[in-house]
Structures are given as structure tokens and as C-alpha cells.
């Protein structure tokens, strides 16, 4: 596969990204899952509503303190101001660690295949990554714990990849 005149890889990544967001106090109602019910305080992680999109190759959570493991919900939305039911889709859930500093990841094989092949000769494999298309934004929130919000000890979430 040929590169462009600016020596970009076939995916045409312009610049890398690595964002880490604090999820303390950023929640959706308990057992929200696929449906965003009631009010929420989800946080914007990656905003591609005004650029050409991004590809995310790694999504991870870092536990803040010893807990039972927070459920972190990920959503794609068409807006970057507030997570609304009518404008968003549920992507999945990552369960955070239970020990201070523990890092948990979305398993690579749980991410969708992308079109680009592995960058080595003779490869028939494909990359797994999350593609955030132009006009979409990635949001995250922890599910509220039993007995109220209790999200002050929620983990950090990090994403790594690149912008188009």
C-alpha cells in the first residue's frame, strides 16, 4: 500500500492522541446499560464532531482505590454538549479494577476489525480498533452504585489512538 506525499500510513493518521479522563462524579443511573435513562453526568472523552474522526487502539481504566470494580459504560453520540438518549448509541461496558492503581483494558479481540491490514509483509491479519467517524463523539460514565451515586472513587479512563 502506498503512503501519501506526507508519508502518512495507509490509515492517514494526522496526529496521535492519548487522553485520560477522571470519571469521579461522572455517572449514569444504575443498570443503565444500552438505554440512557434519567439524567446523567457522563463525560466527553474524544470529540470528533468537528474533525475527520479518530481511531482508538486501546481503551483502559485505572482504579483509584480498593472498590468492587466500577462498571464503565461507553457511548457514541452525535453531539458534544450532553449525552442524550436520542443522539447516542451504547458501545459496551468495561469493568474497572478492584485494587488501587490496577489497570484493566478492553480486550483487543472485543474491538471491531478495521480495514487496514497489519503493517508487515505477507500478513492476512487485521487490526482491531474502535473507529470514531466524523461527526461523532466518545462518551464515558460509571454506573451509579447501590444506594445512590457514590462515584467519588470512580476510576480514570484512558484512550490511545490517532486523529484523521
C-alpha atoms as a PDB file:
ATOM      1  CA  UNK A   1       0.000   0.000   0.000  1.00  0.00           C
ATOM      2  CA  UNK A   2       1.355   3.366  -0.927  1.00  0.00           C
ATOM      3  CA  UNK A   3       1.697   6.203   1.503  1.00  0.00           C
ATOM      4  CA  UNK A   4       0.758   9.798   0.773  1.00  0.00           C
ATOM      5  CA  UNK A   5       3.223  12.506  -0.170  1.00  0.00           C
ATOM      6  CA  UNK A   6       3.487  13.390   3.531  1.00  0.00           C
ATOM      7  CA  UNK A   7       4.472   9.788   4.379  1.00  0.00           C
ATOM      8  CA  UNK A   8       1.297   9.007   6.284  1.00  0.00           C
ATOM      9  CA  UNK A   9       0.432   5.397   6.935  1.00  0.00           C
ATOM     10  CA  UNK A  10      -2.500   3.915   4.983  1.00  0.00           C
ATOM     11  CA  UNK A  11      -4.935   4.943   7.723  1.00  0.00           C
ATOM     12  CA  UNK A  12      -3.918   8.569   7.169  1.00  0.00           C
ATOM     13  CA  UNK A  13      -3.470   9.434  10.840  1.00  0.00           C
ATOM     14  CA  UNK A  14      -2.557  13.117  11.156  1.00  0.00           C
ATOM     15  CA  UNK A  15      -1.703  13.186  14.842  1.00  0.00           C
ATOM     16  CA  UNK A  16      -1.670  10.770  17.728  1.00  0.00           C
ATOM     17  CA  UNK A  17      -3.977  11.045  20.697  1.00  0.00           C
ATOM     18  CA  UNK A  18      -3.791   9.832  24.261  1.00  0.00           C
ATOM     19  CA  UNK A  19      -6.490  11.150  26.542  1.00  0.00           C
ATOM     20  CA  UNK A  20      -7.038  10.308  30.214  1.00  0.00           C
ATOM     21  CA  UNK A  21     -10.312  11.420  31.834  1.00  0.00           C
ATOM     22  CA  UNK A  22     -11.323  11.336  35.506  1.00  0.00           C
ATOM     23  CA  UNK A  23     -14.695   9.602  35.956  1.00  0.00           C
ATOM     24  CA  UNK A  24     -15.224  10.731  39.586  1.00  0.00           C
ATOM     25  CA  UNK A  25     -18.779  12.047  39.777  1.00  0.00           C
ATOM     26  CA  UNK A  26     -19.420  11.166  36.116  1.00  0.00           C
ATOM     27  CA  UNK A  27     -22.291   8.706  36.188  1.00  0.00           C
ATOM     28  CA  UNK A  28     -25.358   7.217  34.576  1.00  0.00           C
ATOM     29  CA  UNK A  29     -28.150   5.580  36.597  1.00  0.00           C
ATOM     30  CA  UNK A  30     -27.508   2.059  37.874  1.00  0.00           C
ATOM     31  CA  UNK A  31     -28.100  -0.671  35.275  1.00  0.00           C
ATOM     32  CA  UNK A  32     -28.375   1.967  32.535  1.00  0.00           C
ATOM     33  CA  UNK A  33     -26.586  -0.224  30.001  1.00  0.00           C
ATOM     34  CA  UNK A  34     -27.927   0.181  26.499  1.00  0.00           C
ATOM     35  CA  UNK A  35     -30.625   2.702  27.401  1.00  0.00           C
ATOM     36  CA  UNK A  36     -29.594   6.066  28.837  1.00  0.00           C
ATOM     37  CA  UNK A  37     -32.366   6.640  31.324  1.00  0.00           C
ATOM     38  CA  UNK A  38     -32.937   9.673  33.505  1.00  0.00           C
ATOM     39  CA  UNK A  39     -30.304  12.341  33.954  1.00  0.00           C
ATOM     40  CA  UNK A  40     -26.604  11.643  33.712  1.00  0.00           C
ATOM     41  CA  UNK A  41     -23.268  13.347  34.205  1.00  0.00           C
ATOM     42  CA  UNK A  42     -21.334  11.426  31.541  1.00  0.00           C
ATOM     43  CA  UNK A  43     -18.116  12.998  30.317  1.00  0.00           C
ATOM     44  CA  UNK A  44     -16.814  13.631  26.834  1.00  0.00           C
ATOM     45  CA  UNK A  45     -13.666  11.595  26.124  1.00  0.00           C
ATOM     46  CA  UNK A  46     -12.975  12.179  22.407  1.00  0.00           C
ATOM     47  CA  UNK A  47     -14.735  14.823  20.285  1.00  0.00           C
ATOM     48  CA  UNK A  48     -14.796  14.198  16.550  1.00  0.00           C
ATOM     49  CA  UNK A  49     -17.920  16.263  15.877  1.00  0.00           C
ATOM     50  CA  UNK A  50     -15.839  18.905  14.092  1.00  0.00           C
ATOM     51  CA  UNK A  51     -12.924  16.925  12.635  1.00  0.00           C
ATOM     52  CA  UNK A  52     -12.443  13.931  10.316  1.00  0.00           C
ATOM     53  CA  UNK A  53     -12.639  11.258  13.024  1.00  0.00           C
ATOM     54  CA  UNK A  54     -10.272   9.088  15.022  1.00  0.00           C
ATOM     55  CA  UNK A  55      -9.203   5.523  15.543  1.00  0.00           C
ATOM     56  CA  UNK A  56      -8.801   4.183  19.088  1.00  0.00           C
ATOM     57  CA  UNK A  57      -6.487   1.210  19.528  1.00  0.00           C
ATOM     58  CA  UNK A  58      -6.503   0.973  23.327  1.00  0.00           C
ATOM     59  CA  UNK A  59      -9.130   1.707  25.999  1.00  0.00           C
ATOM     60  CA  UNK A  60      -8.158   1.224  29.645  1.00  0.00           C
ATOM     61  CA  UNK A  61      -9.228   2.101  33.189  1.00  0.00           C
ATOM     62  CA  UNK A  62      -7.029   2.771  36.224  1.00  0.00           C
ATOM     63  CA  UNK A  63      -8.622   2.046  39.620  1.00  0.00           C
ATOM     64  CA  UNK A  64      -8.499   4.930  42.092  1.00  0.00           C
ATOM     65  CA  UNK A  65      -8.814   2.879  45.284  1.00  0.00           C
ATOM     66  CA  UNK A  66      -9.911  -0.521  46.511  1.00  0.00           C
ATOM     67  CA  UNK A  67     -13.502  -0.975  45.350  1.00  0.00           C
ATOM     68  CA  UNK A  68     -15.806  -3.623  43.997  1.00  0.00           C
ATOM     69  CA  UNK A  69     -15.000  -2.573  40.438  1.00  0.00           C
ATOM     70  CA  UNK A  70     -16.957   0.158  38.715  1.00  0.00           C
ATOM     71  CA  UNK A  71     -18.862  -0.576  35.507  1.00  0.00           C
ATOM     72  CA  UNK A  72     -17.764   1.972  32.906  1.00  0.00           C
ATOM     73  CA  UNK A  73     -20.200   2.481  30.037  1.00  0.00           C
ATOM     74  CA  UNK A  74     -19.011   3.817  26.676  1.00  0.00           C
ATOM     75  CA  UNK A  75     -21.285   5.620  24.208  1.00  0.00           C
ATOM     76  CA  UNK A  76     -21.027   7.208  20.747  1.00  0.00           C
ATOM     77  CA  UNK A  77     -23.045  10.387  20.272  1.00  0.00           C
ATOM     78  CA  UNK A  78     -23.620  12.953  17.550  1.00  0.00           C
ATOM     79  CA  UNK A  79     -23.236  15.854  20.000  1.00  0.00           C
ATOM     80  CA  UNK A  80     -20.506  17.033  22.341  1.00  0.00           C
ATOM     81  CA  UNK A  81     -22.506  19.045  24.887  1.00  0.00           C
ATOM     82  CA  UNK A  82     -24.644  16.448  26.745  1.00  0.00           C
ATOM     83  CA  UNK A  83     -25.244  12.701  26.428  1.00  0.00           C
ATOM     84  CA  UNK A  84     -28.848  12.224  25.272  1.00  0.00           C
ATOM     85  CA  UNK A  85     -30.798   9.043  24.521  1.00  0.00           C
ATOM     86  CA  UNK A  86     -31.958  10.240  21.101  1.00  0.00           C
ATOM     87  CA  UNK A  87     -28.460  11.128  19.907  1.00  0.00           C
ATOM     88  CA  UNK A  88     -26.297   8.307  21.225  1.00  0.00           C
ATOM     89  CA  UNK A  89     -25.567   4.608  20.946  1.00  0.00           C
ATOM     90  CA  UNK A  90     -24.241   2.281  23.630  1.00  0.00           C
ATOM     91  CA  UNK A  91     -20.870   0.721  22.743  1.00  0.00           C
ATOM     92  CA  UNK A  92     -20.145  -1.531  25.691  1.00  0.00           C
ATOM     93  CA  UNK A  93     -19.024  -1.820  29.288  1.00  0.00           C
ATOM     94  CA  UNK A  94     -15.562  -2.116  30.838  1.00  0.00           C
ATOM     95  CA  UNK A  95     -15.320  -3.228  34.459  1.00  0.00           C
ATOM     96  CA  UNK A  96     -12.642  -1.325  36.360  1.00  0.00           C
ATOM     97  CA  UNK A  97     -10.084  -2.901  38.674  1.00  0.00           C
ATOM     98  CA  UNK A  98     -10.555  -3.540  42.377  1.00  0.00           C
ATOM     99  CA  UNK A  99      -7.094  -2.575  43.649  1.00  0.00           C
ATOM    100  CA  UNK A 100      -5.571   0.917  43.740  1.00  0.00           C
ATOM    101  CA  UNK A 101      -3.632   1.545  40.539  1.00  0.00           C
ATOM    102  CA  UNK A 102      -4.837  -1.626  38.824  1.00  0.00           C
ATOM    103  CA  UNK A 103      -5.176  -1.196  35.068  1.00  0.00           C
ATOM    104  CA  UNK A 104      -7.879  -3.038  33.131  1.00  0.00           C
ATOM    105  CA  UNK A 105      -8.263  -2.971  29.356  1.00  0.00           C
ATOM    106  CA  UNK A 106     -10.888  -3.635  26.758  1.00  0.00           C
ATOM    107  CA  UNK A 107      -9.649  -6.885  25.228  1.00  0.00           C
ATOM    108  CA  UNK A 108      -8.268  -6.293  21.736  1.00  0.00           C
ATOM    109  CA  UNK A 109     -10.462  -9.026  20.280  1.00  0.00           C
ATOM    110  CA  UNK A 110     -13.564  -7.223  21.628  1.00  0.00           C
ATOM    111  CA  UNK A 111     -12.880  -4.200  19.433  1.00  0.00           C
ATOM    112  CA  UNK A 112     -14.176  -4.337  15.832  1.00  0.00           C
ATOM    113  CA  UNK A 113     -11.895  -5.120  12.894  1.00  0.00           C
ATOM    114  CA  UNK A 114     -10.649  -2.121  10.919  1.00  0.00           C
ATOM    115  CA  UNK A 115      -9.936  -2.132   7.209  1.00  0.00           C
ATOM    116  CA  UNK A 116      -6.163  -1.719   7.354  1.00  0.00           C
ATOM    117  CA  UNK A 117      -4.069  -4.903   7.411  1.00  0.00           C
ATOM    118  CA  UNK A 118      -1.160  -5.470   9.789  1.00  0.00           C
ATOM    119  CA  UNK A 119       1.866  -3.484   8.538  1.00  0.00           C
ATOM    120  CA  UNK A 120       4.200  -6.372   7.722  1.00  0.00           C
ATOM    121  CA  UNK A 121       4.803  -8.414   4.592  1.00  0.00           C
ATOM    122  CA  UNK A 122       2.545 -11.362   3.895  1.00  0.00           C
ATOM    123  CA  UNK A 123       0.072 -10.570   6.657  1.00  0.00           C
ATOM    124  CA  UNK A 124      -3.527 -11.676   6.341  1.00  0.00           C
ATOM    125  CA  UNK A 125      -4.414 -10.380   9.817  1.00  0.00           C
ATOM    126  CA  UNK A 126      -6.369  -7.240  10.575  1.00  0.00           C
ATOM    127  CA  UNK A 127      -6.171  -4.679  13.349  1.00  0.00           C
ATOM    128  CA  UNK A 128      -8.875  -4.444  15.965  1.00  0.00           C
ATOM    129  CA  UNK A 129      -9.715  -0.880  16.944  1.00  0.00           C
ATOM    130  CA  UNK A 130     -12.609   1.485  17.564  1.00  0.00           C
ATOM    131  CA  UNK A 131     -13.274   3.880  14.716  1.00  0.00           C
ATOM    132  CA  UNK A 132     -14.931   7.159  15.698  1.00  0.00           C
ATOM    133  CA  UNK A 133     -16.331   8.612  12.479  1.00  0.00           C
ATOM    134  CA  UNK A 134     -16.589  12.262  11.583  1.00  0.00           C
ATOM    135  CA  UNK A 135     -19.474  13.894  13.422  1.00  0.00           C
ATOM    136  CA  UNK A 136     -19.394  11.544  16.445  1.00  0.00           C
ATOM    137  CA  UNK A 137     -18.050  11.816  19.997  1.00  0.00           C
ATOM    138  CA  UNK A 138     -16.973   9.158  22.502  1.00  0.00           C
ATOM    139  CA  UNK A 139     -18.542   9.494  25.965  1.00  0.00           C
ATOM    140  CA  UNK A 140     -17.939   7.564  29.194  1.00  0.00           C
ATOM    141  CA  UNK A 141     -19.634   7.268  32.578  1.00  0.00           C
ATOM    142  CA  UNK A 142     -19.662   4.871  35.513  1.00  0.00           C
ATOM    143  CA  UNK A 143     -22.878   3.260  36.632  1.00  0.00           C
ATOM    144  CA  UNK A 144     -24.109   4.555  39.981  1.00  0.00           C
ATOM    145  CA  UNK A 145     -23.548   2.186  42.880  1.00  0.00           C
ATOM    146  CA  UNK A 146     -26.290   0.676  45.056  1.00  0.00           C
ATOM    147  CA  UNK A 147     -27.684   3.254  47.466  1.00  0.00           C
ATOM    148  CA  UNK A 148     -27.073   6.404  45.429  1.00  0.00           C
ATOM    149  CA  UNK A 149     -24.362   7.974  43.314  1.00  0.00           C
ATOM    150  CA  UNK A 150     -21.193   7.036  45.284  1.00  0.00           C
ATOM    151  CA  UNK A 151     -18.916   7.637  42.297  1.00  0.00           C
ATOM    152  CA  UNK A 152     -16.270   9.730  44.049  1.00  0.00           C
ATOM    153  CA  UNK A 153     -13.840   6.791  43.876  1.00  0.00           C
ATOM    154  CA  UNK A 154     -14.546   6.090  40.198  1.00  0.00           C
ATOM    155  CA  UNK A 155     -11.530   5.182  38.034  1.00  0.00           C
ATOM    156  CA  UNK A 156      -9.701   7.125  35.360  1.00  0.00           C
ATOM    157  CA  UNK A 157     -10.328   6.089  31.762  1.00  0.00           C
ATOM    158  CA  UNK A 158      -7.720   6.387  29.042  1.00  0.00           C
ATOM    159  CA  UNK A 159      -7.842   6.040  25.269  1.00  0.00           C
ATOM    160  CA  UNK A 160      -4.964   5.925  22.807  1.00  0.00           C
ATOM    161  CA  UNK A 161      -5.003   6.162  19.045  1.00  0.00           C
ATOM    162  CA  UNK A 162      -4.938   8.887  16.438  1.00  0.00           C
ATOM    163  CA  UNK A 163      -6.946  11.608  14.696  1.00  0.00           C
ATOM    164  CA  UNK A 164      -7.536  11.632  10.928  1.00  0.00           C
END
